[in-house]
């Protein structure tokens, strides 16, 4: 009578990593970021006036301009840091502007005034910005849909 022993074959350990699940997770994250990225734009909804003006030349293309928005109610908003969609008062506007200009004095300062805002609010925003140390303040407008015809009638 022969006794047979069961011989177990040892499998050689596999040294490869299955990357398919990681690729699946990466593609899902890519889709999530592609969908949510356009939703992350922050700012205040301002209806800009239309004007046929030349673009302002920036002194340094890497410098982001400091944008101050004035909404229909005359509230001020600054596009700096957190809470960009919360209105600020004149003192806070001047303090934030002064801080940015101390860090980089060549930062361009721009004002976005709503089309329906009282002109006095935009002028006061410009005065506050100049009091905070801005040497020049630009206005942001939109290009008109169609150029207005120019007539040279002297009659």
N, C-alpha and C. Protein backbone atom coordinates (compact mmCIF):
# COMPACT_ATOMS: atom_id res chain seq x y z
N UNK A 1 0.83 -1.15 0.00
CA UNK A 1 0.00 0.00 0.00
C UNK A 1 0.89 1.24 0.00
N UNK A 2 0.66 2.05 -0.96
CA UNK A 2 1.48 3.26 -1.12
C UNK A 2 0.73 4.43 -0.53
N UNK A 3 1.44 5.19 0.24
CA UNK A 3 0.86 6.38 0.86
C UNK A 3 1.28 7.59 0.01
N UNK A 4 0.27 8.22 -0.44
CA UNK A 4 0.55 9.41 -1.26
C UNK A 4 0.36 10.66 -0.43
N UNK A 5 1.33 11.47 -0.51
CA UNK A 5 1.23 12.76 0.17
C UNK A 5 0.79 13.80 -0.86
N UNK A 6 -0.08 14.62 -0.40
CA UNK A 6 -0.46 15.74 -1.26
C UNK A 6 0.62 16.80 -1.18
N UNK A 7 1.15 17.07 -2.29
CA UNK A 7 2.19 18.09 -2.33
C UNK A 7 1.52 19.40 -2.76
N UNK A 8 1.69 20.34 -1.94
CA UNK A 8 1.11 21.65 -2.27
C UNK A 8 2.11 22.43 -3.10
N UNK A 9 1.60 22.97 -4.15
CA UNK A 9 2.46 23.82 -4.95
C UNK A 9 2.34 25.25 -4.42
N UNK A 10 3.47 25.81 -4.19
CA UNK A 10 3.46 27.20 -3.72
C UNK A 10 3.44 28.11 -4.94
N UNK A 11 2.54 29.05 -4.90
CA UNK A 11 2.49 30.01 -5.99
C UNK A 11 3.52 31.10 -5.74
N UNK A 12 4.07 31.53 -6.83
CA UNK A 12 5.04 32.60 -6.74
C UNK A 12 4.27 33.91 -6.48
N UNK A 13 4.71 34.73 -5.50
CA UNK A 13 3.97 35.97 -5.22
C UNK A 13 4.01 36.91 -6.44
N UNK A 14 2.86 37.55 -6.65
CA UNK A 14 2.73 38.45 -7.78
C UNK A 14 3.26 39.83 -7.36
N UNK A 15 4.15 40.40 -8.12
CA UNK A 15 4.76 41.67 -7.77
C UNK A 15 4.18 42.84 -8.54
N UNK A 16 3.01 42.72 -9.09
CA UNK A 16 2.40 43.79 -9.86
C UNK A 16 1.21 44.36 -9.10
N UNK A 17 1.00 45.65 -9.27
CA UNK A 17 -0.13 46.32 -8.62
C UNK A 17 -1.22 46.50 -9.66
N UNK A 18 -2.42 46.20 -9.27
CA UNK A 18 -3.57 46.40 -10.16
C UNK A 18 -3.95 47.88 -10.09
N UNK A 19 -3.68 48.64 -11.15
CA UNK A 19 -3.92 50.08 -11.15
C UNK A 19 -5.27 50.46 -11.73
N UNK A 20 -6.05 49.53 -12.19
CA UNK A 20 -7.35 49.84 -12.78
C UNK A 20 -8.26 50.57 -11.81
N UNK A 21 -8.38 50.14 -10.54
CA UNK A 21 -9.25 50.90 -9.62
C UNK A 21 -8.76 52.33 -9.40
N UNK A 22 -7.45 52.55 -9.39
CA UNK A 22 -6.92 53.89 -9.20
C UNK A 22 -7.25 54.78 -10.41
N UNK A 23 -7.18 54.22 -11.58
CA UNK A 23 -7.53 54.98 -12.78
C UNK A 23 -9.01 55.34 -12.76
N UNK A 24 -9.86 54.42 -12.32
CA UNK A 24 -11.30 54.71 -12.23
C UNK A 24 -11.56 55.86 -11.26
N UNK A 25 -10.92 55.83 -10.11
CA UNK A 25 -11.10 56.89 -9.12
C UNK A 25 -10.59 58.22 -9.68
N UNK A 26 -9.46 58.19 -10.35
CA UNK A 26 -8.89 59.41 -10.92
C UNK A 26 -9.83 60.02 -11.97
N UNK A 27 -10.43 59.20 -12.81
CA UNK A 27 -11.35 59.71 -13.82
C UNK A 27 -12.61 60.30 -13.20
N UNK A 28 -13.10 59.68 -12.14
CA UNK A 28 -14.28 60.22 -11.45
C UNK A 28 -13.93 61.57 -10.83
N UNK A 29 -12.76 61.69 -10.20
CA UNK A 29 -12.35 62.97 -9.63
C UNK A 29 -12.16 64.03 -10.70
N UNK A 30 -11.62 63.65 -11.83
CA UNK A 30 -11.46 64.58 -12.94
C UNK A 30 -12.80 65.12 -13.41
N UNK A 31 -13.78 64.27 -13.52
CA UNK A 31 -15.12 64.70 -13.94
C UNK A 31 -15.72 65.62 -12.90
N UNK A 32 -15.56 65.30 -11.62
CA UNK A 32 -16.10 66.16 -10.56
C UNK A 32 -15.47 67.55 -10.63
N UNK A 33 -14.14 67.63 -10.79
CA UNK A 33 -13.48 68.93 -10.87
C UNK A 33 -13.88 69.70 -12.12
N UNK A 34 -14.08 69.00 -13.22
CA UNK A 34 -14.49 69.69 -14.45
C UNK A 34 -15.89 70.27 -14.32
N UNK A 35 -16.75 69.61 -13.58
CA UNK A 35 -18.11 70.10 -13.41
C UNK A 35 -18.16 71.24 -12.41
N UNK A 36 -17.38 71.14 -11.32
CA UNK A 36 -17.47 72.15 -10.27
C UNK A 36 -16.60 73.38 -10.52
N UNK A 37 -15.59 73.31 -11.37
CA UNK A 37 -14.70 74.45 -11.60
C UNK A 37 -15.44 75.70 -12.09
N UNK A 38 -16.36 75.60 -13.05
CA UNK A 38 -17.07 76.82 -13.46
C UNK A 38 -17.97 77.39 -12.37
N UNK A 39 -18.35 76.58 -11.42
CA UNK A 39 -19.22 77.06 -10.35
C UNK A 39 -18.46 77.79 -9.27
N UNK A 40 -17.12 77.73 -9.28
CA UNK A 40 -16.32 78.32 -8.23
C UNK A 40 -16.00 79.79 -8.45
N UNK A 41 -16.43 80.36 -9.56
CA UNK A 41 -16.15 81.77 -9.79
C UNK A 41 -16.87 82.59 -8.75
N UNK A 42 -16.12 83.45 -8.11
CA UNK A 42 -16.70 84.27 -7.06
C UNK A 42 -16.79 85.70 -7.54
N UNK A 43 -17.63 86.42 -6.89
CA UNK A 43 -17.75 87.82 -7.24
C UNK A 43 -19.18 88.29 -7.07
N UNK A 44 -19.35 89.55 -7.28
CA UNK A 44 -20.64 90.19 -7.12
C UNK A 44 -21.23 90.40 -8.50
N UNK A 45 -22.51 90.14 -8.65
CA UNK A 45 -23.19 90.34 -9.92
C UNK A 45 -23.38 91.83 -10.12
N UNK A 46 -22.66 92.36 -11.11
CA UNK A 46 -22.72 93.79 -11.42
C UNK A 46 -23.00 93.91 -12.90
N UNK A 47 -24.01 94.70 -13.25
CA UNK A 47 -24.35 94.96 -14.64
C UNK A 47 -23.49 96.14 -15.10
N UNK A 48 -22.42 95.84 -15.84
CA UNK A 48 -21.48 96.88 -16.23
C UNK A 48 -22.03 97.75 -17.35
N UNK A 49 -21.69 99.03 -17.33
CA UNK A 49 -22.08 99.89 -18.46
C UNK A 49 -21.26 99.51 -19.69
N UNK A 50 -21.82 99.78 -20.85
CA UNK A 50 -21.13 99.46 -22.11
C UNK A 50 -20.46 100.72 -22.64
N UNK A 51 -19.20 100.59 -23.01
CA UNK A 51 -18.45 101.72 -23.57
C UNK A 51 -17.42 101.18 -24.53
N UNK A 52 -17.21 101.90 -25.60
CA UNK A 52 -16.22 101.51 -26.59
C UNK A 52 -14.89 102.14 -26.19
N UNK A 53 -14.16 101.44 -25.33
CA UNK A 53 -12.90 101.96 -24.81
C UNK A 53 -11.79 100.97 -25.08
N UNK A 54 -10.57 101.47 -25.13
CA UNK A 54 -9.42 100.60 -25.34
C UNK A 54 -9.08 99.90 -24.03
N UNK A 55 -8.59 98.66 -24.10
CA UNK A 55 -8.19 97.96 -22.88
C UNK A 55 -7.03 98.67 -22.19
N UNK A 56 -7.02 98.60 -20.88
CA UNK A 56 -5.95 99.20 -20.09
C UNK A 56 -4.74 98.29 -20.16
N UNK A 57 -3.57 98.88 -20.39
CA UNK A 57 -2.35 98.10 -20.43
C UNK A 57 -1.85 97.92 -19.00
N UNK A 58 -1.63 96.65 -18.63
CA UNK A 58 -1.14 96.34 -17.30
C UNK A 58 0.39 96.49 -17.28
N UNK A 59 0.95 97.08 -16.22
CA UNK A 59 2.40 97.24 -16.17
C UNK A 59 3.13 95.89 -16.10
N UNK A 60 2.53 94.93 -15.43
CA UNK A 60 3.12 93.60 -15.31
C UNK A 60 2.01 92.60 -15.53
N UNK A 61 2.20 91.71 -16.51
CA UNK A 61 1.14 90.77 -16.86
C UNK A 61 0.87 89.76 -15.76
N UNK A 62 1.82 89.55 -14.84
CA UNK A 62 1.63 88.59 -13.76
C UNK A 62 0.87 89.18 -12.58
N UNK A 63 0.71 90.49 -12.54
CA UNK A 63 0.04 91.15 -11.42
C UNK A 63 -1.46 91.16 -11.65
N UNK A 64 -2.18 90.61 -10.70
CA UNK A 64 -3.64 90.66 -10.76
C UNK A 64 -4.11 92.03 -10.28
N UNK A 65 -5.06 92.65 -10.97
CA UNK A 65 -5.54 93.95 -10.51
C UNK A 65 -6.43 93.80 -9.27
N UNK A 66 -6.44 94.83 -8.47
CA UNK A 66 -7.36 94.90 -7.33
C UNK A 66 -8.68 95.43 -7.86
N UNK A 67 -9.73 94.62 -7.78
CA UNK A 67 -11.03 95.00 -8.35
C UNK A 67 -11.99 95.32 -7.20
N UNK A 68 -12.52 96.53 -7.23
CA UNK A 68 -13.53 96.97 -6.28
C UNK A 68 -14.85 97.08 -7.03
N UNK A 69 -15.89 96.42 -6.51
CA UNK A 69 -17.21 96.45 -7.16
C UNK A 69 -18.16 97.32 -6.36
N UNK A 70 -19.01 98.03 -7.09
CA UNK A 70 -20.06 98.85 -6.47
C UNK A 70 -21.38 98.36 -7.06
N UNK A 71 -22.27 97.83 -6.20
CA UNK A 71 -23.53 97.29 -6.73
C UNK A 71 -24.58 98.39 -6.81
N UNK A 72 -25.80 98.02 -7.20
CA UNK A 72 -26.88 98.99 -7.41
C UNK A 72 -27.20 99.78 -6.14
N UNK A 73 -27.06 99.13 -4.98
CA UNK A 73 -27.38 99.78 -3.71
C UNK A 73 -26.27 100.69 -3.21
N UNK A 74 -25.10 100.66 -3.87
CA UNK A 74 -23.99 101.48 -3.42
C UNK A 74 -23.08 100.75 -2.45
N UNK A 75 -23.22 99.43 -2.31
CA UNK A 75 -22.35 98.65 -1.42
C UNK A 75 -21.02 98.39 -2.13
N UNK A 76 -19.94 98.36 -1.33
CA UNK A 76 -18.61 98.10 -1.86
C UNK A 76 -18.22 96.65 -1.62
N UNK A 77 -17.53 96.07 -2.58
CA UNK A 77 -17.02 94.70 -2.49
C UNK A 77 -15.58 94.72 -3.01
N UNK A 78 -14.71 93.95 -2.37
CA UNK A 78 -13.31 93.87 -2.80
C UNK A 78 -13.00 92.42 -3.12
N UNK A 79 -12.36 92.19 -4.25
CA UNK A 79 -12.02 90.84 -4.69
C UNK A 79 -10.70 90.40 -4.07
N UNK A 80 -10.69 90.29 -2.74
CA UNK A 80 -9.50 89.85 -2.00
C UNK A 80 -9.94 88.86 -0.94
N UNK A 81 -9.23 87.74 -0.85
CA UNK A 81 -9.42 86.80 0.24
C UNK A 81 -10.81 86.20 0.30
N UNK A 82 -11.20 85.86 1.52
CA UNK A 82 -12.50 85.24 1.75
C UNK A 82 -13.60 86.29 1.81
N UNK A 83 -14.82 85.84 1.73
CA UNK A 83 -16.00 86.71 1.84
C UNK A 83 -16.00 87.82 0.80
N UNK A 84 -15.68 87.47 -0.44
CA UNK A 84 -15.66 88.47 -1.50
C UNK A 84 -17.06 88.92 -1.88
N UNK A 85 -18.07 88.15 -1.50
CA UNK A 85 -19.44 88.51 -1.86
C UNK A 85 -20.17 89.19 -0.71
N UNK A 86 -19.44 89.64 0.32
CA UNK A 86 -20.05 90.37 1.42
C UNK A 86 -19.66 91.83 1.32
N UNK A 87 -20.63 92.72 1.49
CA UNK A 87 -20.30 94.16 1.38
C UNK A 87 -19.40 94.61 2.54
N UNK A 88 -18.58 95.63 2.25
CA UNK A 88 -17.70 96.20 3.26
C UNK A 88 -17.94 97.70 3.32
N UNK A 89 -17.52 98.31 4.43
CA UNK A 89 -17.69 99.75 4.56
C UNK A 89 -16.45 100.47 4.02
N UNK A 90 -16.49 101.77 4.04
CA UNK A 90 -15.41 102.57 3.44
C UNK A 90 -14.09 102.38 4.18
N UNK A 91 -14.12 102.28 5.51
CA UNK A 91 -12.88 102.10 6.27
C UNK A 91 -12.20 100.78 5.94
N UNK A 92 -13.00 99.71 5.83
CA UNK A 92 -12.45 98.41 5.50
C UNK A 92 -11.92 98.39 4.05
N UNK A 93 -12.62 99.11 3.16
CA UNK A 93 -12.17 99.23 1.78
C UNK A 93 -10.79 99.89 1.73
N UNK A 94 -10.62 100.97 2.46
CA UNK A 94 -9.34 101.68 2.46
C UNK A 94 -8.25 100.83 3.12
N UNK A 95 -8.59 100.10 4.19
CA UNK A 95 -7.59 99.28 4.88
C UNK A 95 -7.10 98.14 3.98
N UNK A 96 -8.03 97.46 3.30
CA UNK A 96 -7.64 96.35 2.43
C UNK A 96 -6.83 96.86 1.24
N UNK A 97 -7.25 97.99 0.68
CA UNK A 97 -6.52 98.56 -0.45
C UNK A 97 -5.12 98.97 -0.04
N UNK A 98 -5.00 99.62 1.10
CA UNK A 98 -3.69 100.05 1.58
C UNK A 98 -2.78 98.85 1.82
N UNK A 99 -3.34 97.75 2.34
CA UNK A 99 -2.53 96.55 2.59
C UNK A 99 -2.02 95.95 1.29
N UNK A 100 -2.86 95.90 0.28
CA UNK A 100 -2.45 95.35 -1.02
C UNK A 100 -1.39 96.24 -1.65
N UNK A 101 -1.58 97.55 -1.57
CA UNK A 101 -0.63 98.48 -2.20
C UNK A 101 0.69 98.56 -1.44
N UNK A 102 0.68 98.27 -0.14
CA UNK A 102 1.94 98.21 0.61
C UNK A 102 2.76 97.00 0.15
N UNK A 103 2.07 95.89 -0.10
CA UNK A 103 2.76 94.67 -0.53
C UNK A 103 3.31 94.84 -1.95
N UNK A 104 2.50 95.42 -2.85
CA UNK A 104 2.92 95.64 -4.23
C UNK A 104 2.37 96.97 -4.70
N UNK A 105 3.17 98.03 -4.65
CA UNK A 105 2.68 99.37 -5.01
C UNK A 105 2.26 99.50 -6.47
N UNK A 106 2.69 98.61 -7.35
CA UNK A 106 2.34 98.69 -8.77
C UNK A 106 1.06 97.93 -9.11
N UNK A 107 0.33 97.48 -8.10
CA UNK A 107 -0.91 96.76 -8.36
C UNK A 107 -1.93 97.70 -8.99
N UNK A 108 -2.47 97.34 -10.16
CA UNK A 108 -3.50 98.17 -10.78
C UNK A 108 -4.80 98.10 -9.96
N UNK A 109 -5.45 99.22 -9.82
CA UNK A 109 -6.71 99.30 -9.06
C UNK A 109 -7.83 99.64 -10.04
N UNK A 110 -8.88 98.80 -10.06
CA UNK A 110 -9.98 98.97 -11.00
C UNK A 110 -11.30 99.00 -10.22
N UNK A 111 -12.27 99.74 -10.75
CA UNK A 111 -13.60 99.84 -10.15
C UNK A 111 -14.62 99.31 -11.14
N UNK A 112 -15.48 98.39 -10.66
CA UNK A 112 -16.60 97.88 -11.44
C UNK A 112 -17.87 98.48 -10.84
N UNK A 113 -18.44 99.45 -11.52
CA UNK A 113 -19.67 100.07 -11.03
C UNK A 113 -20.87 99.57 -11.83
N UNK A 114 -21.93 99.20 -11.15
CA UNK A 114 -23.13 98.73 -11.82
C UNK A 114 -23.68 99.84 -12.72
N UNK A 115 -24.32 99.44 -13.79
CA UNK A 115 -24.87 100.39 -14.77
C UNK A 115 -25.94 101.29 -14.13
N UNK A 116 -26.66 100.77 -13.16
CA UNK A 116 -27.77 101.53 -12.57
C UNK A 116 -27.39 102.21 -11.25
N UNK A 117 -26.12 102.13 -10.83
CA UNK A 117 -25.74 102.73 -9.55
C UNK A 117 -25.64 104.25 -9.70
N UNK A 118 -25.91 104.93 -8.61
CA UNK A 118 -25.76 106.36 -8.55
C UNK A 118 -24.28 106.70 -8.76
N UNK A 119 -24.01 107.65 -9.63
CA UNK A 119 -22.65 108.01 -9.98
C UNK A 119 -21.82 108.42 -8.76
N UNK A 120 -22.48 108.98 -7.77
CA UNK A 120 -21.79 109.42 -6.55
C UNK A 120 -21.14 108.28 -5.80
N UNK A 121 -21.73 107.09 -5.82
CA UNK A 121 -21.13 105.93 -5.14
C UNK A 121 -19.82 105.51 -5.82
N UNK A 122 -19.80 105.55 -7.14
CA UNK A 122 -18.58 105.18 -7.86
C UNK A 122 -17.48 106.22 -7.59
N UNK A 123 -17.85 107.48 -7.60
CA UNK A 123 -16.86 108.54 -7.33
C UNK A 123 -16.34 108.43 -5.91
N UNK A 124 -17.22 108.14 -4.96
CA UNK A 124 -16.74 108.00 -3.57
C UNK A 124 -15.84 106.79 -3.43
N UNK A 125 -16.12 105.69 -4.14
CA UNK A 125 -15.23 104.53 -4.11
C UNK A 125 -13.85 104.91 -4.65
N UNK A 126 -13.83 105.68 -5.73
CA UNK A 126 -12.55 106.12 -6.31
C UNK A 126 -11.80 107.04 -5.33
N UNK A 127 -12.52 107.88 -4.63
CA UNK A 127 -11.89 108.77 -3.66
C UNK A 127 -11.31 107.97 -2.49
N UNK A 128 -12.04 106.96 -2.02
CA UNK A 128 -11.53 106.11 -0.94
C UNK A 128 -10.27 105.36 -1.38
N UNK A 129 -10.27 104.89 -2.63
CA UNK A 129 -9.11 104.16 -3.13
C UNK A 129 -7.90 105.07 -3.24
N UNK A 130 -8.10 106.30 -3.69
CA UNK A 130 -6.98 107.23 -3.77
C UNK A 130 -6.49 107.63 -2.39
N UNK A 131 -7.42 107.73 -1.42
CA UNK A 131 -7.01 108.03 -0.04
C UNK A 131 -6.21 106.88 0.55
N UNK A 132 -6.44 105.66 0.07
CA UNK A 132 -5.71 104.49 0.57
C UNK A 132 -4.34 104.35 -0.09
N UNK A 133 -4.06 105.17 -1.10
CA UNK A 133 -2.73 105.14 -1.70
C UNK A 133 -2.68 104.76 -3.16
N UNK A 134 -3.84 104.56 -3.80
CA UNK A 134 -3.85 104.21 -5.23
C UNK A 134 -3.55 105.46 -6.03
N UNK A 135 -2.49 105.42 -6.83
CA UNK A 135 -2.13 106.60 -7.61
C UNK A 135 -3.06 106.81 -8.80
N UNK A 136 -3.58 105.72 -9.36
CA UNK A 136 -4.55 105.83 -10.45
C UNK A 136 -5.58 104.72 -10.31
N UNK A 137 -6.79 105.03 -10.70
CA UNK A 137 -7.91 104.09 -10.58
C UNK A 137 -8.57 104.00 -11.95
N UNK A 138 -8.75 102.78 -12.43
CA UNK A 138 -9.41 102.57 -13.72
C UNK A 138 -10.83 102.10 -13.54
N UNK A 139 -11.62 102.27 -14.58
CA UNK A 139 -13.01 101.81 -14.57
C UNK A 139 -13.15 100.63 -15.52
N UNK A 140 -13.91 99.62 -15.10
CA UNK A 140 -14.16 98.44 -15.92
C UNK A 140 -15.51 98.60 -16.59
N UNK A 141 -15.54 98.40 -17.90
CA UNK A 141 -16.78 98.45 -18.68
C UNK A 141 -16.85 97.21 -19.56
N UNK A 142 -17.97 97.05 -20.25
CA UNK A 142 -18.13 96.00 -21.23
C UNK A 142 -18.14 96.62 -22.61
N UNK A 143 -17.67 95.84 -23.59
CA UNK A 143 -17.74 96.31 -24.97
C UNK A 143 -19.20 96.30 -25.41
N UNK A 144 -19.65 97.31 -26.14
CA UNK A 144 -21.03 97.30 -26.63
C UNK A 144 -21.23 96.18 -27.65
N UNK A 145 -22.48 95.73 -27.76
CA UNK A 145 -22.80 94.65 -28.69
C UNK A 145 -22.55 95.07 -30.13
N UNK A 146 -23.00 96.26 -30.49
CA UNK A 146 -22.81 96.77 -31.84
C UNK A 146 -22.21 98.17 -31.73
N UNK A 147 -21.26 98.48 -32.59
CA UNK A 147 -20.72 99.84 -32.55
C UNK A 147 -21.78 100.85 -32.96
N UNK A 148 -21.79 101.95 -32.23
CA UNK A 148 -22.77 102.99 -32.53
C UNK A 148 -22.31 103.78 -33.76
N UNK A 149 -23.22 104.08 -34.66
CA UNK A 149 -22.83 104.84 -35.86
C UNK A 149 -22.44 106.27 -35.48
N UNK A 150 -21.39 106.75 -36.12
CA UNK A 150 -20.93 108.10 -35.87
C UNK A 150 -21.35 108.96 -37.06
N UNK A 151 -22.04 110.04 -36.77
CA UNK A 151 -22.46 110.92 -37.86
C UNK A 151 -21.68 112.22 -37.77
N UNK A 152 -21.30 112.71 -38.91
CA UNK A 152 -20.54 113.96 -38.98
C UNK A 152 -21.39 115.08 -39.54
N UNK A 153 -22.66 115.08 -39.23
CA UNK A 153 -23.56 116.12 -39.73
C UNK A 153 -23.32 117.39 -38.90
N UNK A 154 -23.04 118.45 -39.59
CA UNK A 154 -22.81 119.74 -38.93
C UNK A 154 -24.07 120.61 -39.03
N UNK A 155 -25.16 120.06 -39.49
CA UNK A 155 -26.38 120.85 -39.67
C UNK A 155 -27.05 121.09 -38.40
